Protein backbone atom coordinates (compact mmCIF):
# COMPACT_ATOMS: atom_id res chain seq x y z
CA MET A 1 -47.85 49.44 76.27
CA ALA A 2 -47.80 45.72 77.07
CA GLY A 3 -44.24 46.05 78.38
CA ARG A 4 -45.21 48.84 80.77
CA VAL A 5 -48.15 46.75 82.10
CA ALA A 6 -45.90 43.73 82.67
CA LEU A 7 -43.31 45.91 84.45
CA GLN A 8 -46.01 47.44 86.65
CA ARG A 9 -47.31 43.97 87.59
CA ARG A 10 -43.83 42.81 88.51
CA GLU A 11 -43.38 45.85 90.70
CA GLU A 12 -46.74 45.21 92.40
CA ARG A 13 -45.83 41.55 93.05
CA GLY A 14 -42.47 42.64 94.47
CA LEU A 15 -44.20 45.15 96.76
CA ILE A 16 -46.64 42.48 97.95
CA MET A 17 -43.79 40.07 98.70
CA LYS A 18 -41.94 42.75 100.68
CA LYS A 19 -45.07 43.42 102.74
CA LEU A 20 -45.54 39.69 103.39
CA CYS A 21 -41.93 39.34 104.53
CA LEU A 22 -42.40 42.31 106.86
CA VAL A 23 -45.57 40.77 108.35
CA VAL A 24 -43.81 37.42 108.91
CA ALA A 25 -40.86 39.16 110.54
CA LEU A 26 -43.15 41.11 112.87
CA LEU A 27 -45.03 37.95 113.78
CA MET A 28 -41.78 36.19 114.63
CA ILE A 29 -40.80 39.08 116.88
CA ALA A 30 -44.21 39.33 118.54
CA THR A 31 -44.74 35.61 119.11
CA PRO A 32 -42.73 34.29 122.08
CA ALA A 33 -40.94 30.96 121.86
CA LEU A 34 -43.00 28.09 123.21
CA ALA A 35 -41.57 26.31 126.25
CA THR A 36 -41.61 22.54 125.72
CA VAL A 37 -41.02 19.83 128.30
CA ALA A 38 -40.97 16.10 127.56
CA ILE A 39 -41.30 13.45 130.26
CA THR A 40 -40.44 9.86 129.39
CA CYS A 41 -39.93 6.61 131.24
CA THR A 42 -37.75 3.62 130.46
CA ALA A 43 -37.83 0.13 131.96
CA GLY A 44 -34.54 -1.49 132.93
CA ALA A 45 -33.04 -4.77 131.78
CA GLY A 46 -31.80 -7.99 133.33
CA ALA A 47 -32.02 -8.06 137.11
CA ASP A 48 -33.22 -4.44 136.97
CA CYS A 49 -36.04 -5.11 134.52
CA ASN A 50 -38.52 -3.86 137.12
CA LEU A 51 -36.55 -0.63 137.71
CA VAL A 52 -38.10 2.29 135.81
CA THR A 53 -36.28 5.54 135.03
CA VAL A 54 -38.27 8.77 134.66
CA SER A 55 -36.43 11.38 132.55
CA TYR A 56 -37.05 14.95 131.44
CA ALA A 57 -36.03 17.17 128.52
CA ASP A 58 -36.59 20.93 128.92
CA SER A 59 -36.30 23.38 126.02
CA GLY A 60 -35.34 26.12 128.46
CA GLU A 61 -37.28 28.68 126.39
CA PRO A 62 -38.55 31.09 127.37
CA ASN A 63 -38.01 29.80 130.93
CA LYS A 64 -36.58 26.74 132.58
CA VAL A 65 -38.52 24.27 134.73
CA SER A 66 -38.46 25.08 138.42
CA GLY A 67 -40.58 22.19 139.67
CA TYR A 68 -42.31 18.94 138.80
CA GLY A 69 -45.62 17.74 140.22
CA LEU A 70 -46.30 14.35 138.66
CA ASP A 71 -48.59 11.36 139.15
CA ILE A 72 -47.01 8.01 138.33
CA THR A 73 -49.36 5.03 138.10
CA VAL A 74 -49.06 1.35 137.17
CA ASP A 75 -51.70 -1.17 136.15
CA SER A 76 -52.25 -4.95 136.13
CA GLY A 77 -52.31 -5.11 139.94
CA ALA A 78 -48.67 -3.99 140.22
CA LYS A 79 -47.38 -1.81 143.05
CA ILE A 80 -44.63 0.78 143.24
CA VAL A 81 -42.38 -0.49 146.03
CA SER A 82 -39.48 1.98 146.18
CA VAL A 83 -38.05 5.21 144.78
CA SER A 84 -34.35 5.90 144.29
CA SER A 85 -31.69 7.82 142.30
CA LEU A 86 -33.29 11.21 142.91
CA ASN A 87 -32.09 14.11 140.77
CA ALA A 88 -29.78 16.24 142.95
CA ASN A 89 -30.77 19.45 141.13
CA TYR A 90 -34.47 19.05 141.98
CA ASN A 91 -33.93 18.24 145.65
CA ILE A 92 -36.61 20.44 147.22
CA TYR A 93 -39.69 18.41 148.18
CA PRO A 94 -42.43 20.96 148.96
CA GLY A 95 -44.89 18.53 150.51
CA SER A 96 -42.59 17.43 153.34
CA ILE A 97 -39.85 20.05 153.63
CA VAL A 98 -39.20 21.23 157.20
CA ILE A 99 -38.17 24.86 157.83
CA THR A 100 -37.08 25.87 161.34
CA ASP A 101 -36.37 29.53 162.10
CA GLY A 102 -36.11 30.26 158.40
CA VAL A 103 -33.59 27.47 157.79
CA ILE A 104 -34.29 24.22 155.90
CA THR A 105 -33.61 21.46 158.44
CA ASP A 106 -35.07 18.56 156.46
CA TYR A 107 -35.69 18.44 152.71
CA GLY A 108 -38.22 15.63 153.16
CA THR A 109 -39.18 13.04 150.57
CA PRO A 110 -40.35 13.45 146.95
CA VAL A 111 -43.28 11.05 147.44
CA ALA A 112 -46.29 13.03 148.63
CA ASP A 113 -48.18 11.68 151.62
CA LYS A 114 -51.37 9.89 150.62
CA ASN A 115 -53.33 12.21 152.91
CA ASP A 116 -52.17 15.34 151.11
CA PRO A 117 -54.78 16.98 148.85
CA GLY A 118 -54.79 15.40 145.41
CA ALA A 119 -52.08 12.85 146.24
CA LEU A 120 -52.12 9.21 145.17
CA GLY A 121 -51.74 6.24 147.52
CA GLY A 122 -47.95 6.27 147.84
CA LEU A 123 -45.38 3.49 148.02
CA GLY A 124 -46.90 0.04 148.21
CA THR A 125 -49.83 1.07 146.00
CA GLU A 126 -50.45 1.45 142.28
CA GLY A 127 -49.71 5.19 142.27
CA ILE A 128 -47.40 7.82 143.72
CA THR A 129 -47.41 11.61 143.52
CA ILE A 130 -43.98 13.17 143.07
CA GLU A 131 -43.05 16.72 144.11
CA MET A 132 -39.58 17.93 143.12
CA GLY A 133 -38.38 21.52 142.95
CA ALA A 134 -35.14 23.37 142.28
CA LEU A 135 -33.60 26.05 144.51
CA TYR A 136 -30.34 27.72 143.53
CA TYR A 137 -28.42 30.99 143.53
CA PRO A 138 -28.10 33.14 141.46
CA THR A 139 -31.75 32.62 140.63
CA GLY A 140 -31.84 33.55 136.94
CA ASP A 141 -32.41 31.05 134.15
CA ASN A 142 -28.84 31.69 133.02
CA SER A 143 -27.48 30.83 136.46
CA PRO A 144 -24.53 28.41 136.36
CA ASN A 145 -26.26 26.54 139.18
CA ALA A 146 -29.56 26.07 137.34
CA PRO A 147 -30.49 22.44 136.54
CA PRO A 148 -29.36 21.08 133.16
CA LEU A 149 -31.97 20.97 130.41
CA SER A 150 -32.23 17.19 130.43
CA GLY A 151 -31.59 14.28 132.76
CA ASP A 152 -33.17 11.61 134.95
CA LEU A 153 -35.61 12.75 137.63
CA LEU A 154 -35.77 9.50 139.59
CA LYS A 155 -36.05 5.73 139.42
CA PHE A 156 -38.66 3.46 140.96
CA ARG A 157 -39.29 -0.27 141.26
CA VAL A 158 -42.48 -2.18 140.60
CA ASP A 159 -43.27 -5.64 141.89
CA LYS A 160 -44.63 -7.12 138.64
CA ASP A 161 -45.07 -6.55 134.92
CA CYS A 162 -47.21 -3.53 134.13
CA THR A 163 -47.73 -0.42 132.04
CA VAL A 164 -46.49 2.86 133.52
CA THR A 165 -48.39 6.12 133.01
CA VAL A 166 -47.04 9.57 133.91
CA ALA A 167 -49.34 12.59 134.20
CA GLU A 168 -49.20 16.09 135.60
CA ASN A 169 -50.69 16.57 139.07
CA ALA A 170 -52.93 19.62 138.76
CA THR A 171 -53.09 20.23 142.51
CA ARG A 172 -49.32 20.75 142.54
CA GLY A 173 -49.26 22.79 139.37
CA GLY A 174 -47.95 20.02 137.13
CA ILE A 175 -44.78 21.25 135.48
CA VAL A 176 -43.98 24.81 136.62
CA LEU A 177 -41.50 27.18 134.96
CA THR A 178 -39.41 29.83 136.69
CA ASN A 179 -41.98 32.25 135.31
CA PRO A 180 -45.18 30.55 136.55
CA SER A 181 -47.36 32.67 134.28
CA VAL A 182 -45.94 30.83 131.25
CA THR A 183 -47.57 27.48 130.52
CA PRO A 184 -45.27 24.97 128.80
CA VAL A 185 -46.25 22.52 126.09
CA VAL A 186 -45.86 19.17 127.85
CA THR A 187 -45.60 15.68 126.40
CA LEU A 188 -45.68 12.66 128.72
CA THR A 189 -44.79 9.21 127.43
CA GLY A 190 -45.32 6.03 129.44
CA CYS A 191 -43.53 2.71 129.20
CA THR A 192 -44.07 -1.00 129.73
CA VAL A 193 -42.33 -3.26 132.22
CA VAL A 194 -42.01 -6.79 130.89
CA CYS A 195 -39.88 -9.27 132.81
CA ALA A 196 -40.34 -12.43 134.77
CA ALA A 197 -40.25 -11.50 138.44
CA PRO A 198 -36.63 -12.05 139.49
CA ASP A 199 -36.30 -15.07 141.78
CA CYS A 200 -34.16 -13.04 144.14
CA TYR A 201 -35.16 -14.56 147.49
CA PRO A 202 -33.36 -17.61 148.97
CA SER A 203 -35.43 -20.81 148.84
CA GLY A 204 -33.53 -23.73 150.37
CA GLY A 205 -33.11 -25.05 153.91
CA VAL A 206 -34.13 -22.59 156.64
CA TRP A 207 -35.51 -20.29 153.97
CA ALA A 208 -38.15 -22.68 152.65
CA ALA A 209 -41.12 -21.36 154.66
CA ARG A 210 -40.23 -17.73 154.07
CA TYR A 211 -39.71 -18.37 150.37
CA ALA A 212 -43.19 -19.89 150.18
CA ASP A 213 -44.62 -16.77 151.84
CA TRP A 214 -42.63 -14.58 149.45
CA VAL A 215 -44.20 -16.37 146.50
CA THR A 216 -47.67 -16.08 148.06
CA LEU A 217 -47.07 -12.35 148.45
CA LYS A 218 -46.23 -12.16 144.71
CA LYS A 219 -42.46 -11.91 145.18
CA PRO A 220 -42.05 -8.42 146.67
CA SER A 221 -38.68 -7.04 145.56
CA CYS A 222 -38.22 -5.18 148.86
CA TRP A 223 -37.45 -8.50 150.60
CA CYS A 224 -34.50 -9.14 148.28
CA ALA A 225 -30.83 -8.30 148.47
CA LYS A 226 -29.22 -5.49 146.49
CA PRO A 227 -29.69 -4.38 143.77
CA ILE A 228 -33.29 -5.66 143.67
CA GLY A 229 -34.09 -4.51 147.22
CA SER A 230 -32.38 -1.89 149.36
CA GLY A 231 -30.48 -4.50 151.38
CA TYR A 232 -31.74 -2.91 154.62
CA GLN A 233 -35.39 -4.04 154.71
CA CYS A 234 -34.86 -6.76 157.32
CA ASP A 235 -33.38 -4.04 159.59
CA GLY A 236 -36.48 -1.87 159.35
CA ASP A 237 -36.13 -0.06 156.02
CA ALA A 238 -39.73 -0.68 155.00
CA ASP A 239 -39.91 2.06 152.32
CA GLY A 240 -36.56 1.37 150.66
CA LEU A 241 -35.43 4.99 151.09
CA THR A 242 -33.28 7.08 153.36
CA GLU A 243 -35.05 9.93 155.13
CA GLY A 244 -33.78 13.50 155.29
CA ALA A 245 -31.51 15.08 152.70
CA VAL A 246 -28.89 15.74 155.38
CA SER A 247 -29.57 13.14 158.06
CA LYS A 248 -30.18 10.25 155.58
CA TRP A 249 -31.64 7.93 158.22
CA ARG A 250 -32.27 4.46 156.84
CA VAL A 251 -34.89 3.66 159.51
CA SER A 252 -37.17 6.49 160.56
CA MET A 253 -40.74 7.86 160.56
CA ASN A 254 -41.72 6.80 157.05
CA ASP A 255 -40.82 3.21 157.89
CA LEU A 256 -42.70 3.36 161.18
CA ASN A 257 -45.75 4.80 159.43
CA LEU A 258 -45.69 1.91 156.96
CA ILE A 259 -45.68 -0.57 159.86
CA ILE A 260 -48.60 1.25 161.49
CA ALA A 261 -50.57 1.28 158.23
CA ASN A 262 -50.19 -2.51 157.96
CA TRP A 263 -50.47 -3.33 161.66
CA LYS A 264 -51.75 -6.86 162.32
CA LYS A 265 -52.69 -7.55 158.71
CA LYS A 266 -52.49 -11.15 157.54
CA ILE A 267 -50.96 -12.66 154.44
CA ASP A 268 -54.33 -13.03 152.72
CA ASP A 269 -55.22 -9.35 153.23
CA PRO A 270 -55.11 -7.72 149.76
CA THR A 271 -54.25 -4.36 151.36
CA LEU A 272 -51.11 -5.74 153.04
CA ASN A 273 -47.88 -4.09 151.93
CA PRO A 274 -45.35 -6.95 152.29
CA CYS A 275 -42.51 -4.43 152.72
CA ALA A 276 -43.92 -3.81 156.23
CA ASP A 277 -43.22 -7.45 157.13
CA ILE A 278 -39.71 -6.73 158.41
CA ASP A 279 -38.81 -10.19 159.77
CA HIS A 280 -40.51 -12.09 156.91
CA LYS A 281 -42.48 -14.22 159.38
CA TYR A 282 -45.97 -14.23 160.78
CA GLU A 283 -46.53 -13.62 164.49
CA GLY A 284 -48.94 -15.65 166.57
CA ALA A 285 -49.74 -19.30 165.93
CA VAL A 286 -53.42 -18.45 165.47
CA SER A 287 -53.47 -14.77 164.52
CA LYS A 288 -50.54 -15.01 162.03
CA TRP A 289 -50.04 -11.25 161.76
CA ARG A 290 -47.44 -10.15 159.19
CA ALA A 291 -46.71 -6.74 160.75
CA SER A 292 -46.68 -6.79 164.52
CA MET A 293 -44.48 -6.43 167.61
CA ASN A 294 -41.46 -8.32 166.31
CA ASP A 295 -41.32 -6.02 163.29
CA LEU A 296 -41.82 -2.94 165.45
CA ASN A 297 -39.00 -4.04 167.78
CA ILE A 298 -36.61 -4.21 164.83
CA ILE A 299 -37.61 -0.67 163.87
CA ILE A 300 -36.95 0.50 167.43
CA ALA A 301 -33.59 -1.28 167.65
CA ASN A 302 -32.35 0.44 164.48
CA TRP A 303 -34.13 3.77 164.89
CA LYS A 304 -32.42 6.57 162.96
CA MET A 305 -29.55 4.35 161.91
CA LYS A 306 -27.71 5.32 158.73
CA ASP A 307 -26.32 3.08 156.01
CA THR A 308 -22.90 3.25 157.67
CA GLY A 309 -24.33 1.72 160.85
CA LEU A 310 -26.10 -1.22 159.18
CA PRO A 311 -24.61 -4.17 157.28
CA GLY A 312 -26.90 -3.79 154.25
CA ASP A 313 -26.91 -7.54 153.60
CA CYS A 314 -30.63 -8.33 153.93
CA PRO A 315 -32.23 -10.80 153.84
CA ARG A 316 -30.73 -12.69 156.78
CA PRO A 317 -32.21 -15.84 158.36
C-alpha cells in the first residue's frame, strides 16, 4: 500500500514538472526578445584629452536602431566647441536635410539648430542636440547595408574639464528602431573629462597679445592648430565642421551664422563664443569688438571653400 502511494506521488510530481516546463516554453515563445541599446562616452588622452567619443551598442533584437536623437550636455562652465568623426552609416540628419525635387541635395549637419523645438543651445554652449539616422537599401534589418550593431557615433571637443551627460531627446523620439512601435531598453553612461587645458596656442613674439586674449577667453581649442582645432578657424571655419555631406564646404552658412550670433560682442561678454573671433584680434580702439567686419571679410573671402582650397595651418599671425 505504501509503495503504491509513493509511486502515485512520484507520478504526480512528474506530471507537475512537465506542466511547468510546458508553461515556461510557452512563455518563452510568447515573450518577444527585448531590444537593448547602450550609449557610452569616453574621454581621450594626451593632446586629445578634451576629445570625447560617443559610442553605441545595439542588440539588434527584435529590430535594429534606425535613428538617434540625443542630448549631450557638459557642466562646470565648459562648452562643446566642435563635432567630428561622424558615423558614416547614420549620415541622415533630419533637422537640416535638404530635399529638392525628391532628391537629397544636402544631408545637413547632425547638430540641431538651437531654434528647433526641444533643441539645446548648440556648438559654443554647454549642450547640443544630435540627430542621426540611417537610410539604406534593401531596407530590412538583415540588409547587408544596415549599420553594424556597435561603433562610434561621433566625437566632440570641450574647452575645459567637465562631466559629460548623454540623454535621449524626447522631441526627436530618442532612440528609434526600424519598427518604431517597439521601445528599446536604453542605458546611457556619461564620462568625465580631466586634463589640463592644452597650451596649444603660440605665445612668443608677435603672438604675445593674442595669447593673452586666448588665456582670458579660457583657452578655446578652436583657435589652435590640428589636432586640437580644425586648422581652418583663422580662415573662417568658426564651427570646426565642413558643411554638406557632398559639398563639404569648410566655410559656409553655419560659420556665418556663428559670426552673426556673436556680432560686436566684447571679450568680457560671457555669451561670446571665441570661435567666432576669426582673426583673434579685437576691432576698434575703443569698441574692441571680437566679432566684426574683419572677421566677416575673412568669411567672405573664403566663402564655400573646401579643405583642398585652404592651407589648414591655422593659426597664422
